[in-house]
Amino acid sequence: MSGPQARVRVREMTLADCDRVSLIRVRGWQSAYRGLMPQPYLDAMDPAADAERRRSLFARPPEGRVNLVAEDEGGEVVGWACHGPYRDGEARTADAELYALYVDAARFGAGIGRALAGESVRRCRAAGHARMLLWVLKGNVRARRFYDRAGFRPDGAEEPFEVDGVAVPEVRYARPLQG
């Protein structure tokens, strides 16, 4: 199933989803960040290790974190998003943050990312957050176009990010949720 008419169901992630979410996340990094991060770093990413880390997160209190998955009509997980309180260093603020959003690359353009972002925005608005922020790699043109279409705009903040000694700058996007 692909194309704009694809139907997805967004639900909260369960422990059983960890392997599939990790595969989508790792393959997403390896695809989206090719040429933006050192290739040996991307090649060394391991979905099994990521899944183990993700399972350990389920054992801890969520601290406001919400993990969502999108599944297709057959029940296969095809995307993942995570949101929660905005992190300003170690402090949490009253704003919301979209920590992550990844879609199975074979499903790009099918509305999965739009469904996940929409549900995250809806939940954060319902929780009373005034705005939602996110960080995206400056060079990730595809993601930046996606966030622009989803109503987010760069707010001028930039943050250094380093991977294996290579600078990979991030830019912050913001979207008002109230009013």
N, C-alpha and C. Protein backbone atom coordinates (compact mmCIF):
# COMPACT_ATOMS: atom_id res chain seq x y z
N MET A 1 0.84 -1.17 0.00
CA MET A 1 0.00 0.00 0.00
C MET A 1 0.88 1.23 0.00
N SER A 2 0.75 2.07 -0.97
CA SER A 2 1.49 3.33 -0.99
C SER A 2 0.65 4.36 -1.71
N GLY A 3 1.16 5.55 -1.75
CA GLY A 3 0.45 6.63 -2.41
C GLY A 3 -0.31 7.46 -1.41
N PRO A 4 -0.81 8.61 -1.86
CA PRO A 4 -1.45 9.53 -0.95
C PRO A 4 -2.73 8.99 -0.32
N GLN A 5 -3.38 7.99 -0.93
CA GLN A 5 -4.63 7.49 -0.40
C GLN A 5 -4.44 6.42 0.68
N ALA A 6 -3.22 6.10 1.00
CA ALA A 6 -2.95 5.07 2.01
C ALA A 6 -3.59 5.46 3.34
N ARG A 7 -4.18 4.47 4.02
CA ARG A 7 -4.80 4.72 5.32
C ARG A 7 -3.88 4.21 6.41
N VAL A 8 -3.73 5.02 7.41
CA VAL A 8 -2.90 4.62 8.56
C VAL A 8 -3.70 4.85 9.83
N ARG A 9 -3.33 4.09 10.83
CA ARG A 9 -3.92 4.25 12.16
C ARG A 9 -2.77 4.62 13.09
N VAL A 10 -2.93 5.70 13.83
CA VAL A 10 -1.92 6.12 14.79
C VAL A 10 -2.38 5.68 16.17
N ARG A 11 -1.45 5.05 16.90
CA ARG A 11 -1.75 4.56 18.25
C ARG A 11 -0.49 4.71 19.09
N GLU A 12 -0.65 4.53 20.40
CA GLU A 12 0.52 4.57 21.27
C GLU A 12 1.37 3.33 21.04
N MET A 13 2.66 3.52 21.10
CA MET A 13 3.63 2.44 20.92
C MET A 13 3.58 1.50 22.12
N THR A 14 3.81 0.22 21.85
CA THR A 14 3.89 -0.78 22.91
C THR A 14 5.30 -1.39 22.88
N LEU A 15 5.59 -2.14 23.92
CA LEU A 15 6.88 -2.82 24.01
C LEU A 15 7.11 -3.72 22.80
N ALA A 16 6.06 -4.34 22.32
CA ALA A 16 6.16 -5.25 21.16
C ALA A 16 6.57 -4.53 19.88
N ASP A 17 6.44 -3.21 19.84
CA ASP A 17 6.78 -2.44 18.64
C ASP A 17 8.25 -2.07 18.56
N CYS A 18 9.01 -2.31 19.62
CA CYS A 18 10.39 -1.80 19.69
C CYS A 18 11.27 -2.24 18.53
N ASP A 19 11.22 -3.52 18.15
CA ASP A 19 12.08 -3.99 17.06
C ASP A 19 11.77 -3.27 15.75
N ARG A 20 10.50 -3.15 15.42
CA ARG A 20 10.12 -2.51 14.16
C ARG A 20 10.45 -1.02 14.18
N VAL A 21 10.16 -0.35 15.31
CA VAL A 21 10.46 1.08 15.44
C VAL A 21 11.97 1.31 15.29
N SER A 22 12.76 0.46 15.91
CA SER A 22 14.21 0.62 15.82
C SER A 22 14.71 0.41 14.40
N LEU A 23 14.15 -0.54 13.70
CA LEU A 23 14.54 -0.75 12.31
C LEU A 23 14.20 0.49 11.47
N ILE A 24 13.00 1.03 11.66
CA ILE A 24 12.60 2.24 10.92
C ILE A 24 13.52 3.40 11.28
N ARG A 25 13.83 3.57 12.57
CA ARG A 25 14.68 4.67 13.02
C ARG A 25 16.10 4.57 12.45
N VAL A 26 16.71 3.40 12.59
CA VAL A 26 18.09 3.21 12.10
C VAL A 26 18.15 3.36 10.59
N ARG A 27 17.23 2.72 9.87
CA ARG A 27 17.23 2.86 8.41
C ARG A 27 16.96 4.31 8.02
N GLY A 28 16.14 5.01 8.81
CA GLY A 28 15.87 6.42 8.55
C GLY A 28 17.13 7.26 8.68
N TRP A 29 17.90 7.02 9.74
CA TRP A 29 19.17 7.74 9.90
C TRP A 29 20.09 7.42 8.73
N GLN A 30 20.20 6.15 8.39
CA GLN A 30 21.13 5.74 7.34
C GLN A 30 20.76 6.32 5.98
N SER A 31 19.48 6.55 5.77
CA SER A 31 19.02 7.11 4.52
C SER A 31 19.07 8.65 4.54
N ALA A 32 18.43 9.26 5.53
CA ALA A 32 18.29 10.72 5.57
C ALA A 32 19.61 11.43 5.82
N TYR A 33 20.51 10.80 6.56
CA TYR A 33 21.74 11.48 6.97
C TYR A 33 22.96 11.10 6.14
N ARG A 34 22.75 10.31 5.09
CA ARG A 34 23.86 9.97 4.18
C ARG A 34 24.40 11.26 3.58
N GLY A 35 25.69 11.45 3.72
CA GLY A 35 26.34 12.66 3.21
C GLY A 35 26.33 13.80 4.22
N LEU A 36 25.55 13.67 5.28
CA LEU A 36 25.49 14.71 6.31
C LEU A 36 26.27 14.31 7.55
N MET A 37 26.44 13.01 7.75
CA MET A 37 27.17 12.45 8.89
C MET A 37 28.21 11.48 8.36
N PRO A 38 29.22 11.19 9.16
CA PRO A 38 30.24 10.23 8.70
C PRO A 38 29.61 8.87 8.38
N GLN A 39 29.91 8.37 7.20
CA GLN A 39 29.32 7.10 6.76
C GLN A 39 29.67 5.93 7.69
N PRO A 40 30.90 5.84 8.22
CA PRO A 40 31.20 4.73 9.14
C PRO A 40 30.28 4.74 10.37
N TYR A 41 29.93 5.92 10.86
CA TYR A 41 29.01 6.03 12.00
C TYR A 41 27.64 5.46 11.61
N LEU A 42 27.14 5.87 10.44
CA LEU A 42 25.84 5.39 9.99
C LEU A 42 25.86 3.89 9.74
N ASP A 43 26.94 3.40 9.13
CA ASP A 43 27.05 1.97 8.83
C ASP A 43 27.08 1.12 10.10
N ALA A 44 27.61 1.68 11.18
CA ALA A 44 27.74 0.93 12.43
C ALA A 44 26.45 0.89 13.24
N MET A 45 25.45 1.67 12.85
CA MET A 45 24.20 1.68 13.60
C MET A 45 23.55 0.30 13.53
N ASP A 46 23.08 -0.17 14.68
CA ASP A 46 22.55 -1.53 14.79
C ASP A 46 21.10 -1.50 15.28
N PRO A 47 20.15 -1.94 14.45
CA PRO A 47 18.75 -1.95 14.88
C PRO A 47 18.51 -2.78 16.14
N ALA A 48 19.21 -3.88 16.31
CA ALA A 48 19.01 -4.72 17.50
C ALA A 48 19.45 -3.99 18.76
N ALA A 49 20.58 -3.30 18.71
CA ALA A 49 21.05 -2.54 19.86
C ALA A 49 20.10 -1.38 20.16
N ASP A 50 19.61 -0.74 19.11
CA ASP A 50 18.66 0.35 19.29
C ASP A 50 17.38 -0.17 19.93
N ALA A 51 16.91 -1.33 19.51
CA ALA A 51 15.69 -1.93 20.07
C ALA A 51 15.88 -2.25 21.55
N GLU A 52 17.04 -2.74 21.91
CA GLU A 52 17.32 -3.03 23.32
C GLU A 52 17.28 -1.75 24.16
N ARG A 53 17.85 -0.69 23.64
CA ARG A 53 17.82 0.59 24.34
C ARG A 53 16.38 1.09 24.46
N ARG A 54 15.62 0.92 23.41
CA ARG A 54 14.23 1.36 23.40
C ARG A 54 13.41 0.57 24.44
N ARG A 55 13.66 -0.74 24.53
CA ARG A 55 12.96 -1.57 25.53
C ARG A 55 13.29 -1.10 26.94
N SER A 56 14.55 -0.71 27.17
CA SER A 56 14.93 -0.25 28.50
C SER A 56 14.22 1.06 28.85
N LEU A 57 13.93 1.89 27.84
CA LEU A 57 13.18 3.13 28.08
C LEU A 57 11.76 2.84 28.58
N PHE A 58 11.18 1.74 28.10
CA PHE A 58 9.84 1.37 28.53
C PHE A 58 9.79 0.99 30.01
N ALA A 59 10.92 0.58 30.54
CA ALA A 59 10.98 0.17 31.96
C ALA A 59 11.06 1.37 32.89
N ARG A 60 11.33 2.56 32.35
CA ARG A 60 11.46 3.77 33.16
C ARG A 60 10.19 4.62 33.05
N PRO A 61 9.96 5.49 34.03
CA PRO A 61 8.82 6.40 33.92
C PRO A 61 8.97 7.26 32.65
N PRO A 62 7.88 7.53 31.95
CA PRO A 62 7.97 8.26 30.67
C PRO A 62 8.32 9.73 30.79
N GLU A 63 8.19 10.35 31.98
CA GLU A 63 8.51 11.77 32.17
C GLU A 63 7.87 12.65 31.10
N GLY A 64 6.63 12.34 30.75
CA GLY A 64 5.90 13.13 29.77
C GLY A 64 6.10 12.73 28.33
N ARG A 65 7.02 11.79 28.08
CA ARG A 65 7.29 11.32 26.72
C ARG A 65 6.11 10.48 26.21
N VAL A 66 5.72 10.71 24.97
CA VAL A 66 4.67 9.91 24.34
C VAL A 66 5.24 9.37 23.04
N ASN A 67 5.21 8.05 22.90
CA ASN A 67 5.65 7.38 21.68
C ASN A 67 4.42 6.93 20.91
N LEU A 68 4.36 7.31 19.65
CA LEU A 68 3.25 6.93 18.78
C LEU A 68 3.79 6.12 17.60
N VAL A 69 2.99 5.19 17.13
CA VAL A 69 3.32 4.48 15.90
C VAL A 69 2.16 4.62 14.93
N ALA A 70 2.49 4.53 13.66
CA ALA A 70 1.47 4.48 12.61
C ALA A 70 1.53 3.08 12.03
N GLU A 71 0.37 2.50 11.86
CA GLU A 71 0.34 1.18 11.21
C GLU A 71 -0.55 1.25 9.98
N ASP A 72 -0.20 0.43 9.00
CA ASP A 72 -0.97 0.40 7.77
C ASP A 72 -2.22 -0.47 7.97
N GLU A 73 -2.99 -0.63 6.92
CA GLU A 73 -4.24 -1.39 7.01
C GLU A 73 -4.02 -2.84 7.41
N GLY A 74 -2.82 -3.36 7.16
CA GLY A 74 -2.50 -4.73 7.54
C GLY A 74 -1.95 -4.86 8.95
N GLY A 75 -1.82 -3.75 9.65
CA GLY A 75 -1.32 -3.76 11.02
C GLY A 75 0.19 -3.67 11.14
N GLU A 76 0.89 -3.45 10.02
CA GLU A 76 2.36 -3.31 10.08
C GLU A 76 2.72 -1.90 10.51
N VAL A 77 3.65 -1.78 11.46
CA VAL A 77 4.14 -0.48 11.89
C VAL A 77 4.98 0.10 10.76
N VAL A 78 4.60 1.32 10.33
CA VAL A 78 5.27 1.96 9.19
C VAL A 78 5.84 3.33 9.54
N GLY A 79 5.68 3.75 10.80
CA GLY A 79 6.23 5.03 11.22
C GLY A 79 6.19 5.16 12.73
N TRP A 80 6.99 6.10 13.23
CA TRP A 80 7.11 6.32 14.67
C TRP A 80 7.37 7.79 14.94
N ALA A 81 6.76 8.31 15.98
CA ALA A 81 7.01 9.68 16.44
C ALA A 81 7.07 9.66 17.96
N CYS A 82 7.83 10.59 18.50
CA CYS A 82 7.93 10.74 19.95
C CYS A 82 7.91 12.23 20.28
N HIS A 83 7.07 12.58 21.26
CA HIS A 83 7.01 13.98 21.70
C HIS A 83 6.90 14.03 23.22
N GLY A 84 7.12 15.24 23.74
CA GLY A 84 7.02 15.44 25.18
C GLY A 84 7.41 16.86 25.52
N PRO A 85 7.76 17.11 26.78
CA PRO A 85 8.16 18.46 27.18
C PRO A 85 9.43 18.89 26.45
N TYR A 86 9.50 20.19 26.12
CA TYR A 86 10.69 20.71 25.46
C TYR A 86 11.88 20.63 26.41
N ARG A 87 13.00 20.18 25.88
CA ARG A 87 14.22 20.05 26.67
C ARG A 87 15.11 21.25 26.40
N ASP A 88 15.35 22.03 27.44
CA ASP A 88 16.30 23.14 27.36
C ASP A 88 17.47 22.72 28.23
N GLY A 89 18.44 22.04 27.63
CA GLY A 89 19.50 21.39 28.40
C GLY A 89 18.86 20.24 29.16
N GLU A 90 19.04 20.21 30.46
CA GLU A 90 18.42 19.17 31.29
C GLU A 90 17.05 19.59 31.81
N ALA A 91 16.71 20.87 31.67
CA ALA A 91 15.43 21.37 32.18
C ALA A 91 14.31 21.12 31.17
N ARG A 92 13.12 20.87 31.68
CA ARG A 92 11.93 20.76 30.84
C ARG A 92 11.19 22.09 30.93
N THR A 93 10.57 22.51 29.84
CA THR A 93 9.86 23.79 29.82
C THR A 93 8.37 23.53 29.58
N ALA A 94 7.59 24.60 29.50
CA ALA A 94 6.15 24.48 29.25
C ALA A 94 5.84 24.19 27.78
N ASP A 95 6.82 24.37 26.91
CA ASP A 95 6.61 24.06 25.49
C ASP A 95 6.69 22.56 25.27
N ALA A 96 6.15 22.13 24.14
CA ALA A 96 6.25 20.73 23.73
C ALA A 96 7.38 20.60 22.72
N GLU A 97 7.90 19.39 22.59
CA GLU A 97 8.95 19.12 21.60
C GLU A 97 8.62 17.84 20.85
N LEU A 98 8.76 17.90 19.55
CA LEU A 98 8.70 16.69 18.73
C LEU A 98 10.13 16.16 18.70
N TYR A 99 10.39 15.10 19.48
CA TYR A 99 11.75 14.57 19.60
C TYR A 99 12.18 13.80 18.35
N ALA A 100 11.24 13.09 17.75
CA ALA A 100 11.60 12.23 16.61
C ALA A 100 10.37 11.96 15.77
N LEU A 101 10.59 11.80 14.47
CA LEU A 101 9.55 11.35 13.55
C LEU A 101 10.25 10.64 12.41
N TYR A 102 9.94 9.36 12.26
CA TYR A 102 10.55 8.54 11.21
C TYR A 102 9.48 7.71 10.53
N VAL A 103 9.62 7.57 9.22
CA VAL A 103 8.69 6.78 8.41
C VAL A 103 9.50 5.77 7.60
N ASP A 104 8.97 4.58 7.46
CA ASP A 104 9.59 3.57 6.60
C ASP A 104 9.81 4.21 5.23
N ALA A 105 11.05 4.22 4.76
CA ALA A 105 11.40 4.91 3.50
C ALA A 105 10.58 4.42 2.31
N ALA A 106 10.15 3.16 2.34
CA ALA A 106 9.33 2.63 1.24
C ALA A 106 7.94 3.25 1.25
N ARG A 107 7.59 3.96 2.32
CA ARG A 107 6.25 4.53 2.47
C ARG A 107 6.22 6.05 2.38
N PHE A 108 7.35 6.68 2.02
CA PHE A 108 7.37 8.14 1.90
C PHE A 108 6.26 8.58 0.95
N GLY A 109 5.62 9.69 1.28
CA GLY A 109 4.59 10.25 0.42
C GLY A 109 3.21 9.66 0.62
N ALA A 110 3.06 8.74 1.56
CA ALA A 110 1.77 8.09 1.77
C ALA A 110 0.95 8.73 2.89
N GLY A 111 1.44 9.84 3.45
CA GLY A 111 0.68 10.52 4.49
C GLY A 111 0.97 10.04 5.90
N ILE A 112 1.93 9.14 6.05
CA ILE A 112 2.24 8.57 7.36
C ILE A 112 2.87 9.61 8.28
N GLY A 113 3.85 10.33 7.79
CA GLY A 113 4.48 11.38 8.57
C GLY A 113 3.48 12.47 8.94
N ARG A 114 2.63 12.82 8.00
CA ARG A 114 1.60 13.83 8.24
C ARG A 114 0.66 13.36 9.35
N ALA A 115 0.27 12.09 9.33
CA ALA A 115 -0.63 11.55 10.36
C ALA A 115 0.05 11.56 11.73
N LEU A 116 1.31 11.16 11.79
CA LEU A 116 2.03 11.15 13.07
C LEU A 116 2.24 12.57 13.61
N ALA A 117 2.67 13.48 12.76
CA ALA A 117 2.87 14.87 13.19
C ALA A 117 1.54 15.47 13.64
N GLY A 118 0.49 15.21 12.89
CA GLY A 118 -0.82 15.74 13.24
C GLY A 118 -1.30 15.26 14.60
N GLU A 119 -1.11 13.98 14.88
CA GLU A 119 -1.54 13.44 16.17
C GLU A 119 -0.68 13.99 17.31
N SER A 120 0.62 14.15 17.07
CA SER A 120 1.48 14.75 18.10
C SER A 120 1.05 16.18 18.39
N VAL A 121 0.79 16.95 17.35
CA VAL A 121 0.34 18.33 17.52
C VAL A 121 -0.99 18.36 18.27
N ARG A 122 -1.92 17.49 17.87
CA ARG A 122 -3.24 17.45 18.52
C ARG A 122 -3.10 17.17 20.01
N ARG A 123 -2.28 16.19 20.36
CA ARG A 123 -2.12 15.82 21.77
C ARG A 123 -1.44 16.93 22.57
N CYS A 124 -0.46 17.57 21.98
CA CYS A 124 0.24 18.65 22.69
C CYS A 124 -0.65 19.88 22.85
N ARG A 125 -1.46 20.15 21.84
CA ARG A 125 -2.43 21.26 21.95
C ARG A 125 -3.43 20.94 23.06
N ALA A 126 -3.95 19.72 23.09
CA ALA A 126 -4.93 19.32 24.11
C ALA A 126 -4.32 19.38 25.51
N ALA A 127 -3.01 19.16 25.61
CA ALA A 127 -2.33 19.21 26.90
C ALA A 127 -2.06 20.65 27.35
N GLY A 128 -2.40 21.63 26.48
CA GLY A 128 -2.28 23.03 26.85
C GLY A 128 -0.97 23.70 26.49
N HIS A 129 -0.12 23.02 25.73
CA HIS A 129 1.14 23.64 25.31
C HIS A 129 0.86 24.77 24.31
N ALA A 130 1.58 25.87 24.46
CA ALA A 130 1.39 27.02 23.57
C ALA A 130 2.08 26.83 22.23
N ARG A 131 3.18 26.08 22.24
CA ARG A 131 3.89 25.85 20.98
C ARG A 131 4.63 24.53 21.04
N MET A 132 4.98 24.05 19.85
CA MET A 132 5.76 22.82 19.71
C MET A 132 7.04 23.17 18.97
N LEU A 133 8.15 22.66 19.48
CA LEU A 133 9.46 22.91 18.89
C LEU A 133 10.05 21.58 18.43
N LEU A 134 11.01 21.65 17.55
CA LEU A 134 11.75 20.47 17.12
C LEU A 134 13.10 20.92 16.59
N TRP A 135 14.04 19.99 16.58
CA TRP A 135 15.37 20.24 16.02
C TRP A 135 15.53 19.33 14.81
N VAL A 136 16.09 19.88 13.74
CA VAL A 136 16.31 19.13 12.51
C VAL A 136 17.70 19.49 11.98
N LEU A 137 18.36 18.51 11.39
CA LEU A 137 19.67 18.80 10.81
C LEU A 137 19.53 19.87 9.73
N LYS A 138 20.41 20.84 9.79
CA LYS A 138 20.37 21.96 8.86
C LYS A 138 20.39 21.48 7.40
N GLY A 139 21.16 20.45 7.13
CA GLY A 139 21.29 19.95 5.77
C GLY A 139 20.23 18.95 5.34
N ASN A 140 19.28 18.63 6.21
CA ASN A 140 18.25 17.64 5.88
C ASN A 140 17.08 18.35 5.18
N VAL A 141 17.28 18.59 3.90
CA VAL A 141 16.33 19.38 3.11
C VAL A 141 14.96 18.72 3.05
N ARG A 142 14.92 17.41 2.88
CA ARG A 142 13.64 16.70 2.78
C ARG A 142 12.81 16.91 4.06
N ALA A 143 13.44 16.72 5.22
CA ALA A 143 12.73 16.88 6.49
C ALA A 143 12.30 18.33 6.69
N ARG A 144 13.16 19.26 6.34
CA ARG A 144 12.82 20.66 6.52
C ARG A 144 11.61 21.05 5.66
N ARG A 145 11.54 20.53 4.45
CA ARG A 145 10.36 20.79 3.60
C ARG A 145 9.11 20.19 4.24
N PHE A 146 9.24 18.97 4.79
CA PHE A 146 8.12 18.31 5.45
C PHE A 146 7.61 19.17 6.61
N TYR A 147 8.52 19.64 7.46
CA TYR A 147 8.11 20.43 8.62
C TYR A 147 7.50 21.76 8.20
N ASP A 148 8.02 22.37 7.15
CA ASP A 148 7.42 23.60 6.62
C ASP A 148 5.96 23.33 6.23
N ARG A 149 5.71 22.24 5.51
CA ARG A 149 4.35 21.90 5.10
C ARG A 149 3.45 21.59 6.30
N ALA A 150 4.06 21.14 7.40
CA ALA A 150 3.29 20.79 8.61
C ALA A 150 3.07 22.00 9.51
N GLY A 151 3.44 23.19 9.06
CA GLY A 151 3.16 24.40 9.82
C GLY A 151 4.26 24.85 10.76
N PHE A 152 5.41 24.20 10.71
CA PHE A 152 6.55 24.61 11.54
C PHE A 152 7.40 25.61 10.75
N ARG A 153 8.06 26.51 11.48
CA ARG A 153 8.94 27.49 10.83
C ARG A 153 10.23 27.59 11.62
N PRO A 154 11.38 27.78 10.94
CA PRO A 154 12.62 28.01 11.67
C PRO A 154 12.47 29.27 12.52
N ASP A 155 12.96 29.21 13.76
CA ASP A 155 12.82 30.38 14.64
C ASP A 155 14.15 31.09 14.87
N GLY A 156 15.17 30.71 14.13
CA GLY A 156 16.46 31.39 14.22
C GLY A 156 17.47 30.72 15.14
N ALA A 157 17.02 29.80 15.98
CA ALA A 157 17.94 29.12 16.89
C ALA A 157 18.69 28.02 16.14
N GLU A 158 19.97 27.93 16.39
CA GLU A 158 20.80 26.87 15.84
C GLU A 158 21.61 26.27 16.97
N GLU A 159 21.95 25.01 16.82
CA GLU A 159 22.69 24.31 17.85
C GLU A 159 23.77 23.45 17.20
N PRO A 160 24.97 23.50 17.76
CA PRO A 160 26.00 22.61 17.20
C PRO A 160 25.71 21.18 17.60
N PHE A 161 26.00 20.27 16.73
CA PHE A 161 25.83 18.84 16.98
C PHE A 161 27.04 18.20 16.33
N GLU A 162 27.66 17.29 17.00
CA GLU A 162 28.87 16.67 16.46
C GLU A 162 28.74 15.16 16.48
N VAL A 163 29.12 14.55 15.36
CA VAL A 163 29.11 13.10 15.22
C VAL A 163 30.48 12.66 14.76
N ASP A 164 31.15 11.90 15.58
CA ASP A 164 32.50 11.40 15.26
C ASP A 164 33.42 12.52 14.78
N GLY A 165 33.38 13.66 15.48
CA GLY A 165 34.26 14.78 15.16
C GLY A 165 33.82 15.63 13.99
N VAL A 166 32.66 15.36 13.42
CA VAL A 166 32.16 16.13 12.28
C VAL A 166 31.00 17.00 12.76
N ALA A 167 31.06 18.29 12.45
CA ALA A 167 29.98 19.21 12.81
C ALA A 167 28.77 18.94 11.94
N VAL A 168 27.63 18.75 12.60
CA VAL A 168 26.36 18.51 11.93
C VAL A 168 25.34 19.45 12.59
N PRO A 169 25.30 20.72 12.17
CA PRO A 169 24.46 21.69 12.85
C PRO A 169 22.96 21.40 12.71
N GLU A 170 22.24 21.76 13.78
CA GLU A 170 20.78 21.62 13.79
C GLU A 170 20.14 23.00 13.84
N VAL A 171 18.95 23.10 13.29
CA VAL A 171 18.15 24.31 13.38
C VAL A 171 16.86 23.96 14.09
N ARG A 172 16.34 24.94 14.83
CA ARG A 172 15.10 24.71 15.57
C ARG A 172 13.92 25.27 14.79
N TYR A 173 12.85 24.49 14.77
CA TYR A 173 11.59 24.89 14.17
C TYR A 173 10.56 25.03 15.27
N ALA A 174 9.59 25.91 15.07
CA ALA A 174 8.53 26.13 16.06
C ALA A 174 7.18 26.19 15.34
N ARG A 175 6.17 25.77 16.07
CA ARG A 175 4.80 25.86 15.57
C ARG A 175 3.90 26.28 16.73
N PRO A 176 3.13 27.37 16.55
CA PRO A 176 2.19 27.73 17.60
C PRO A 176 1.08 26.68 17.68
N LEU A 177 0.62 26.40 18.88
CA LEU A 177 -0.44 25.40 19.06
C LEU A 177 -1.74 26.02 19.53
N GLN A 178 -1.67 27.20 20.10
CA GLN A 178 -2.87 27.85 20.64
C GLN A 178 -3.13 29.13 19.86
N GLY A 179 -4.41 29.48 19.73
CA GLY A 179 -4.77 30.76 19.13
C GLY A 179 -4.72 30.80 17.65
